[in-house]
Amino acid sequence: MINASQRILSRSRVEKDPVTPEILQALVISNIKDKFPSLSDLRPVALYPIGYAGFFRFSELRHIEACNVKFSP
């Protein structure tokens, strides 16, 4: 009885389209508004490609700190 009511009252799942590199590039470009953006403006822009490349969830991205990131040539 409970299973039947859950099926009847549930909403259908709406699947979202995957993010493509073109969508990601447009998102990054649209978030850089100034010619000389501040570091607080660049933080979310830097997180987009990191999240995309690493398949991170937002909950994982928000816990990344500066000491966790290392840039190498």
PDB file of N, CA and C in Angstrom:
ATOM      1  N   MET A   1       0.814  -1.190   0.000  1.00  0.00           N
ATOM      2  CA  MET A   1       0.000   0.000   0.000  1.00  0.00           C
ATOM      3  C   MET A   1       0.867   1.266   0.000  1.00  0.00           C
ATOM      4  N   ILE A   2       1.905   1.268   0.828  1.00  0.00           N
ATOM      5  CA  ILE A   2       2.775   2.433   0.902  1.00  0.00           C
ATOM      6  C   ILE A   2       3.524   2.606  -0.416  1.00  0.00           C
ATOM      7  N   ASN A   3       4.008   1.516  -0.992  1.00  0.00           N
ATOM      8  CA  ASN A   3       4.738   1.599  -2.256  1.00  0.00           C
ATOM      9  C   ASN A   3       3.856   2.142  -3.373  1.00  0.00           C
ATOM     10  N   ALA A   4       2.600   1.721  -3.402  1.00  0.00           N
ATOM     11  CA  ALA A   4       1.676   2.190  -4.429  1.00  0.00           C
ATOM     12  C   ALA A   4       1.410   3.680  -4.276  1.00  0.00           C
ATOM     13  N   SER A   5       1.236   4.139  -3.055  1.00  0.00           N
ATOM     14  CA  SER A   5       0.979   5.569  -2.844  1.00  0.00           C
ATOM     15  C   SER A   5       2.215   6.407  -3.195  1.00  0.00           C
ATOM     16  N   GLN A   6       3.407   5.889  -2.939  1.00  0.00           N
ATOM     17  CA  GLN A   6       4.615   6.615  -3.311  1.00  0.00           C
ATOM     18  C   GLN A   6       4.751   6.719  -4.823  1.00  0.00           C
ATOM     19  N   ARG A   7       4.373   5.670  -5.534  1.00  0.00           N
ATOM     20  CA  ARG A   7       4.432   5.725  -6.995  1.00  0.00           C
ATOM     21  C   ARG A   7       3.414   6.708  -7.543  1.00  0.00           C
ATOM     22  N   ILE A   8       2.230   6.737  -6.971  1.00  0.00           N
ATOM     23  CA  ILE A   8       1.169   7.609  -7.464  1.00  0.00           C
ATOM     24  C   ILE A   8       1.484   9.077  -7.166  1.00  0.00           C
ATOM     25  N   LEU A   9       2.000   9.363  -5.984  1.00  0.00           N
ATOM     26  CA  LEU A   9       2.238  10.742  -5.566  1.00  0.00           C
ATOM     27  C   LEU A   9       3.603  11.294  -6.002  1.00  0.00           C
ATOM     28  N   SER A  10       4.479  10.439  -6.480  1.00  0.00           N
ATOM     29  CA  SER A  10       5.812  10.914  -6.848  1.00  0.00           C
ATOM     30  C   SER A  10       5.773  11.691  -8.155  1.00  0.00           C
ATOM     31  N   ARG A  11       6.751  12.555  -8.307  1.00  0.00           N
ATOM     32  CA  ARG A  11       6.885  13.334  -9.537  1.00  0.00           C
ATOM     33  C   ARG A  11       7.864  12.634 -10.460  1.00  0.00           C
ATOM     34  N   SER A  12       7.679  12.827 -11.735  1.00  0.00           N
ATOM     35  CA  SER A  12       8.599  12.216 -12.682  1.00  0.00           C
ATOM     36  C   SER A  12       9.943  12.931 -12.610  1.00  0.00           C
ATOM     37  N   ARG A  13      10.967  12.202 -12.854  1.00  0.00           N
ATOM     38  CA  ARG A  13      12.318  12.729 -12.776  1.00  0.00           C
ATOM     39  C   ARG A  13      12.649  13.498 -14.043  1.00  0.00           C
ATOM     40  N   VAL A  14      13.164  14.707 -13.870  1.00  0.00           N
ATOM     41  CA  VAL A  14      13.584  15.514 -15.012  1.00  0.00           C
ATOM     42  C   VAL A  14      15.099  15.478 -15.067  1.00  0.00           C
ATOM     43  N   GLU A  15      15.628  14.816 -16.077  1.00  0.00           N
ATOM     44  CA  GLU A  15      17.072  14.708 -16.205  1.00  0.00           C
ATOM     45  C   GLU A  15      17.619  15.955 -16.881  1.00  0.00           C
ATOM     46  N   LYS A  16      18.754  16.409 -16.402  1.00  0.00           N
ATOM     47  CA  LYS A  16      19.383  17.607 -16.943  1.00  0.00           C
ATOM     48  C   LYS A  16      20.404  17.204 -17.998  1.00  0.00           C
ATOM     49  N   ASP A  17      20.625  18.113 -18.932  1.00  0.00           N
ATOM     50  CA  ASP A  17      21.627  17.873 -19.962  1.00  0.00           C
ATOM     51  C   ASP A  17      23.016  17.965 -19.346  1.00  0.00           C
ATOM     52  N   PRO A  18      23.948  17.164 -19.819  1.00  0.00           N
ATOM     53  CA  PRO A  18      25.315  17.251 -19.287  1.00  0.00           C
ATOM     54  C   PRO A  18      25.975  18.559 -19.717  1.00  0.00           C
ATOM     55  N   VAL A  19      26.928  18.997 -18.926  1.00  0.00           N
ATOM     56  CA  VAL A  19      27.678  20.215 -19.238  1.00  0.00           C
ATOM     57  C   VAL A  19      28.745  19.862 -20.267  1.00  0.00           C
ATOM     58  N   THR A  20      28.764  20.615 -21.329  1.00  0.00           N
ATOM     59  CA  THR A  20      29.765  20.410 -22.370  1.00  0.00           C
ATOM     60  C   THR A  20      30.907  21.410 -22.173  1.00  0.00           C
ATOM     61  N   PRO A  21      32.060  21.173 -22.786  1.00  0.00           N
ATOM     62  CA  PRO A  21      33.146  22.152 -22.677  1.00  0.00           C
ATOM     63  C   PRO A  21      32.750  23.541 -23.199  1.00  0.00           C
ATOM     64  N   GLU A  22      31.887  23.594 -24.190  1.00  0.00           N
ATOM     65  CA  GLU A  22      31.442  24.880 -24.732  1.00  0.00           C
ATOM     66  C   GLU A  22      30.596  25.634 -23.703  1.00  0.00           C
ATOM     67  N   ILE A  23      29.725  24.922 -23.005  1.00  0.00           N
ATOM     68  CA  ILE A  23      28.905  25.543 -21.960  1.00  0.00           C
ATOM     69  C   ILE A  23      29.799  26.029 -20.827  1.00  0.00           C
ATOM     70  N   LEU A  24      30.775  25.235 -20.465  1.00  0.00           N
ATOM     71  CA  LEU A  24      31.711  25.608 -19.403  1.00  0.00           C
ATOM     72  C   LEU A  24      32.511  26.847 -19.795  1.00  0.00           C
ATOM     73  N   GLN A  25      32.969  26.912 -21.028  1.00  0.00           N
ATOM     74  CA  GLN A  25      33.724  28.065 -21.490  1.00  0.00           C
ATOM     75  C   GLN A  25      32.865  29.326 -21.468  1.00  0.00           C
ATOM     76  N   ALA A  26      31.633  29.218 -21.918  1.00  0.00           N
ATOM     77  CA  ALA A  26      30.728  30.373 -21.900  1.00  0.00           C
ATOM     78  C   ALA A  26      30.451  30.831 -20.470  1.00  0.00           C
ATOM     79  N   LEU A  27      30.336  29.889 -19.549  1.00  0.00           N
ATOM     80  CA  LEU A  27      30.100  30.213 -18.147  1.00  0.00           C
ATOM     81  C   LEU A  27      31.287  30.954 -17.553  1.00  0.00           C
ATOM     82  N   VAL A  28      32.482  30.505 -17.848  1.00  0.00           N
ATOM     83  CA  VAL A  28      33.693  31.152 -17.338  1.00  0.00           C
ATOM     84  C   VAL A  28      33.815  32.559 -17.914  1.00  0.00           C
ATOM     85  N   ILE A  29      33.615  32.709 -19.207  1.00  0.00           N
ATOM     86  CA  ILE A  29      33.736  34.021 -19.850  1.00  0.00           C
ATOM     87  C   ILE A  29      32.678  34.985 -19.329  1.00  0.00           C
ATOM     88  N   SER A  30      31.473  34.506 -19.112  1.00  0.00           N
ATOM     89  CA  SER A  30      30.401  35.389 -18.642  1.00  0.00           C
ATOM     90  C   SER A  30      30.612  35.844 -17.204  1.00  0.00           C
ATOM     91  N   ASN A  31      31.391  35.119 -16.420  1.00  0.00           N
ATOM     92  CA  ASN A  31      31.619  35.503 -15.032  1.00  0.00           C
ATOM     93  C   ASN A  31      32.812  36.431 -14.849  1.00  0.00           C
ATOM     94  N   ILE A  32      33.590  36.643 -15.877  1.00  0.00           N
ATOM     95  CA  ILE A  32      34.694  37.609 -15.799  1.00  0.00           C
ATOM     96  C   ILE A  32      34.203  38.895 -16.456  1.00  0.00           C
ATOM     97  N   LYS A  33      33.723  39.816 -15.619  1.00  0.00           N
ATOM     98  CA  LYS A  33      33.106  41.038 -16.128  1.00  0.00           C
ATOM     99  C   LYS A  33      34.103  42.188 -16.242  1.00  0.00           C
ATOM    100  N   ASP A  34      35.030  42.277 -15.291  1.00  0.00           N
ATOM    101  CA  ASP A  34      35.984  43.381 -15.279  1.00  0.00           C
ATOM    102  C   ASP A  34      37.265  43.005 -16.025  1.00  0.00           C
ATOM    103  N   LYS A  35      37.993  44.034 -16.430  1.00  0.00           N
ATOM    104  CA  LYS A  35      39.278  43.783 -17.066  1.00  0.00           C
ATOM    105  C   LYS A  35      40.287  43.268 -16.050  1.00  0.00           C
ATOM    106  N   PHE A  36      40.176  43.734 -14.801  1.00  0.00           N
ATOM    107  CA  PHE A  36      41.043  43.298 -13.715  1.00  0.00           C
ATOM    108  C   PHE A  36      40.177  42.778 -12.563  1.00  0.00           C
ATOM    109  N   PRO A  37      39.659  41.550 -12.665  1.00  0.00           N
ATOM    110  CA  PRO A  37      38.776  41.037 -11.613  1.00  0.00           C
ATOM    111  C   PRO A  37      39.539  40.760 -10.317  1.00  0.00           C
ATOM    112  N   SER A  38      38.823  40.845  -9.205  1.00  0.00           N
ATOM    113  CA  SER A  38      39.434  40.560  -7.909  1.00  0.00           C
ATOM    114  C   SER A  38      39.516  39.048  -7.700  1.00  0.00           C
ATOM    115  N   LEU A  39      40.244  38.648  -6.681  1.00  0.00           N
ATOM    116  CA  LEU A  39      40.369  37.220  -6.387  1.00  0.00           C
ATOM    117  C   LEU A  39      39.019  36.604  -6.001  1.00  0.00           C
ATOM    118  N   SER A  40      38.183  37.383  -5.319  1.00  0.00           N
ATOM    119  CA  SER A  40      36.864  36.850  -4.954  1.00  0.00           C
ATOM    120  C   SER A  40      35.988  36.640  -6.187  1.00  0.00           C
ATOM    121  N   ASP A  41      36.236  37.417  -7.252  1.00  0.00           N
ATOM    122  CA  ASP A  41      35.511  37.205  -8.509  1.00  0.00           C
ATOM    123  C   ASP A  41      36.039  35.985  -9.252  1.00  0.00           C
ATOM    124  N   LEU A  42      37.333  35.711  -9.105  1.00  0.00           N
ATOM    125  CA  LEU A  42      37.948  34.608  -9.843  1.00  0.00           C
ATOM    126  C   LEU A  42      37.760  33.251  -9.175  1.00  0.00           C
ATOM    127  N   ARG A  43      37.439  33.234  -7.886  1.00  0.00           N
ATOM    128  CA  ARG A  43      37.305  31.954  -7.169  1.00  0.00           C
ATOM    129  C   ARG A  43      36.251  31.041  -7.803  1.00  0.00           C
ATOM    130  N   PRO A  44      35.011  31.522  -8.003  1.00  0.00           N
ATOM    131  CA  PRO A  44      34.040  30.609  -8.629  1.00  0.00           C
ATOM    132  C   PRO A  44      34.421  30.239 -10.049  1.00  0.00           C
ATOM    133  N   VAL A  45      35.057  31.166 -10.763  1.00  0.00           N
ATOM    134  CA  VAL A  45      35.476  30.882 -12.136  1.00  0.00           C
ATOM    135  C   VAL A  45      36.525  29.773 -12.144  1.00  0.00           C
ATOM    136  N   ALA A  46      37.395  29.752 -11.153  1.00  0.00           N
ATOM    137  CA  ALA A  46      38.414  28.704 -11.067  1.00  0.00           C
ATOM    138  C   ALA A  46      37.816  27.371 -10.640  1.00  0.00           C
ATOM    139  N   LEU A  47      36.745  27.418  -9.863  1.00  0.00           N
ATOM    140  CA  LEU A  47      36.131  26.175  -9.396  1.00  0.00           C
ATOM    141  C   LEU A  47      35.354  25.439 -10.488  1.00  0.00           C
ATOM    142  N   TYR A  48      34.844  26.163 -11.481  1.00  0.00           N
ATOM    143  CA  TYR A  48      34.067  25.508 -12.547  1.00  0.00           C
ATOM    144  C   TYR A  48      34.884  24.450 -13.283  1.00  0.00           C
ATOM    145  N   PRO A  49      36.070  24.791 -13.821  1.00  0.00           N
ATOM    146  CA  PRO A  49      36.834  23.744 -14.525  1.00  0.00           C
ATOM    147  C   PRO A  49      37.356  22.649 -13.604  1.00  0.00           C
ATOM    148  N   ILE A  50      37.674  23.010 -12.349  1.00  0.00           N
ATOM    149  CA  ILE A  50      38.140  21.991 -11.404  1.00  0.00           C
ATOM    150  C   ILE A  50      37.020  20.981 -11.141  1.00  0.00           C
ATOM    151  N   GLY A  51      35.828  21.488 -10.915  1.00  0.00           N
ATOM    152  CA  GLY A  51      34.682  20.600 -10.683  1.00  0.00           C
ATOM    153  C   GLY A  51      34.349  19.764 -11.900  1.00  0.00           C
ATOM    154  N   TYR A  52      34.465  20.371 -13.069  1.00  0.00           N
ATOM    155  CA  TYR A  52      34.157  19.659 -14.306  1.00  0.00           C
ATOM    156  C   TYR A  52      35.174  18.556 -14.565  1.00  0.00           C
ATOM    157  N   ALA A  53      36.449  18.891 -14.431  1.00  0.00           N
ATOM    158  CA  ALA A  53      37.508  17.923 -14.735  1.00  0.00           C
ATOM    159  C   ALA A  53      37.572  16.806 -13.701  1.00  0.00           C
ATOM    160  N   GLY A  54      37.234  17.115 -12.458  1.00  0.00           N
ATOM    161  CA  GLY A  54      37.336  16.123 -11.393  1.00  0.00           C
ATOM    162  C   GLY A  54      36.034  15.426 -11.053  1.00  0.00           C
ATOM    163  N   PHE A  55      34.953  15.742 -11.773  1.00  0.00           N
ATOM    164  CA  PHE A  55      33.629  15.165 -11.510  1.00  0.00           C
ATOM    165  C   PHE A  55      33.208  15.373 -10.053  1.00  0.00           C
ATOM    166  N   PHE A  56      33.502  16.592  -9.524  1.00  0.00           N
ATOM    167  CA  PHE A  56      33.159  16.883  -8.139  1.00  0.00           C
ATOM    168  C   PHE A  56      31.724  17.357  -8.007  1.00  0.00           C
ATOM    169  N   ARG A  57      31.127  17.062  -6.881  1.00  0.00           N
ATOM    170  CA  ARG A  57      29.832  17.631  -6.515  1.00  0.00           C
ATOM    171  C   ARG A  57      30.095  18.983  -5.862  1.00  0.00           C
ATOM    172  N   PHE A  58      29.042  19.822  -5.771  1.00  0.00           N
ATOM    173  CA  PHE A  58      29.220  21.128  -5.149  1.00  0.00           C
ATOM    174  C   PHE A  58      29.647  20.990  -3.690  1.00  0.00           C
ATOM    175  N   SER A  59      29.106  19.998  -3.002  1.00  0.00           N
ATOM    176  CA  SER A  59      29.454  19.807  -1.594  1.00  0.00           C
ATOM    177  C   SER A  59      30.949  19.508  -1.436  1.00  0.00           C
ATOM    178  N   GLU A  60      31.543  18.874  -2.428  1.00  0.00           N
ATOM    179  CA  GLU A  60      32.975  18.603  -2.381  1.00  0.00           C
ATOM    180  C   GLU A  60      33.784  19.847  -2.764  1.00  0.00           C
ATOM    181  N   LEU A  61      33.277  20.610  -3.715  1.00  0.00           N
ATOM    182  CA  LEU A  61      33.983  21.807  -4.157  1.00  0.00           C
ATOM    183  C   LEU A  61      34.045  22.880  -3.085  1.00  0.00           C
ATOM    184  N   ARG A  62      32.988  23.033  -2.317  1.00  0.00           N
ATOM    185  CA  ARG A  62      32.970  24.120  -1.343  1.00  0.00           C
ATOM    186  C   ARG A  62      33.926  23.874  -0.180  1.00  0.00           C
ATOM    187  N   HIS A  63      34.414  22.649  -0.032  1.00  0.00           N
ATOM    188  CA  HIS A  63      35.364  22.354   1.035  1.00  0.00           C
ATOM    189  C   HIS A  63      36.825  22.457   0.583  1.00  0.00           C
ATOM    190  N   ILE A  64      37.059  22.798  -0.683  1.00  0.00           N
ATOM    191  CA  ILE A  64      38.426  22.955  -1.169  1.00  0.00           C
ATOM    192  C   ILE A  64      38.991  24.256  -0.615  1.00  0.00           C
ATOM    193  N   GLU A  65      40.183  24.172  -0.044  1.00  0.00           N
ATOM    194  CA  GLU A  65      40.863  25.345   0.485  1.00  0.00           C
ATOM    195  C   GLU A  65      42.147  25.571  -0.303  1.00  0.00           C
ATOM    196  N   ALA A  66      42.748  26.727  -0.118  1.00  0.00           N
ATOM    197  CA  ALA A  66      43.953  27.083  -0.875  1.00  0.00           C
ATOM    198  C   ALA A  66      45.081  26.077  -0.617  1.00  0.00           C
ATOM    199  N   CYS A  67      45.159  25.556   0.590  1.00  0.00           N
ATOM    200  CA  CYS A  67      46.232  24.605   0.894  1.00  0.00           C
ATOM    201  C   CYS A  67      46.024  23.260   0.196  1.00  0.00           C
ATOM    202  N   ASN A  68      44.824  22.998  -0.323  1.00  0.00           N
ATOM    203  CA  ASN A  68      44.546  21.754  -1.029  1.00  0.00           C
ATOM    204  C   ASN A  68      44.901  21.803  -2.509  1.00  0.00           C
ATOM    205  N   VAL A  69      45.189  22.997  -3.022  1.00  0.00           N
ATOM    206  CA  VAL A  69      45.427  23.174  -4.456  1.00  0.00           C
ATOM    207  C   VAL A  69      46.897  23.477  -4.703  1.00  0.00           C
ATOM    208  N   LYS A  70      47.473  22.786  -5.675  1.00  0.00           N
ATOM    209  CA  LYS A  70      48.864  23.026  -6.045  1.00  0.00           C
ATOM    210  C   LYS A  70      48.926  23.167  -7.569  1.00  0.00           C
ATOM    211  N   PHE A  71      49.489  24.266  -8.024  1.00  0.00           N
ATOM    212  CA  PHE A  71      49.660  24.508  -9.444  1.00  0.00           C
ATOM    213  C   PHE A  71      51.090  24.166  -9.826  1.00  0.00           C
ATOM    214  N   SER A  72      51.233  23.421 -10.886  1.00  0.00           N
ATOM    215  CA  SER A  72      52.576  23.082 -11.356  1.00  0.00           C
ATOM    216  C   SER A  72      52.632  23.277 -12.863  1.00  0.00           C
ATOM    217  N   PRO A  73      53.808  23.622 -13.390  1.00  0.00           N
ATOM    218  CA  PRO A  73      53.921  23.878 -14.842  1.00  0.00           C
ATOM    219  C   PRO A  73      53.841  22.615 -15.667  1.00  0.00           C
TER     220      PRO A  73
END
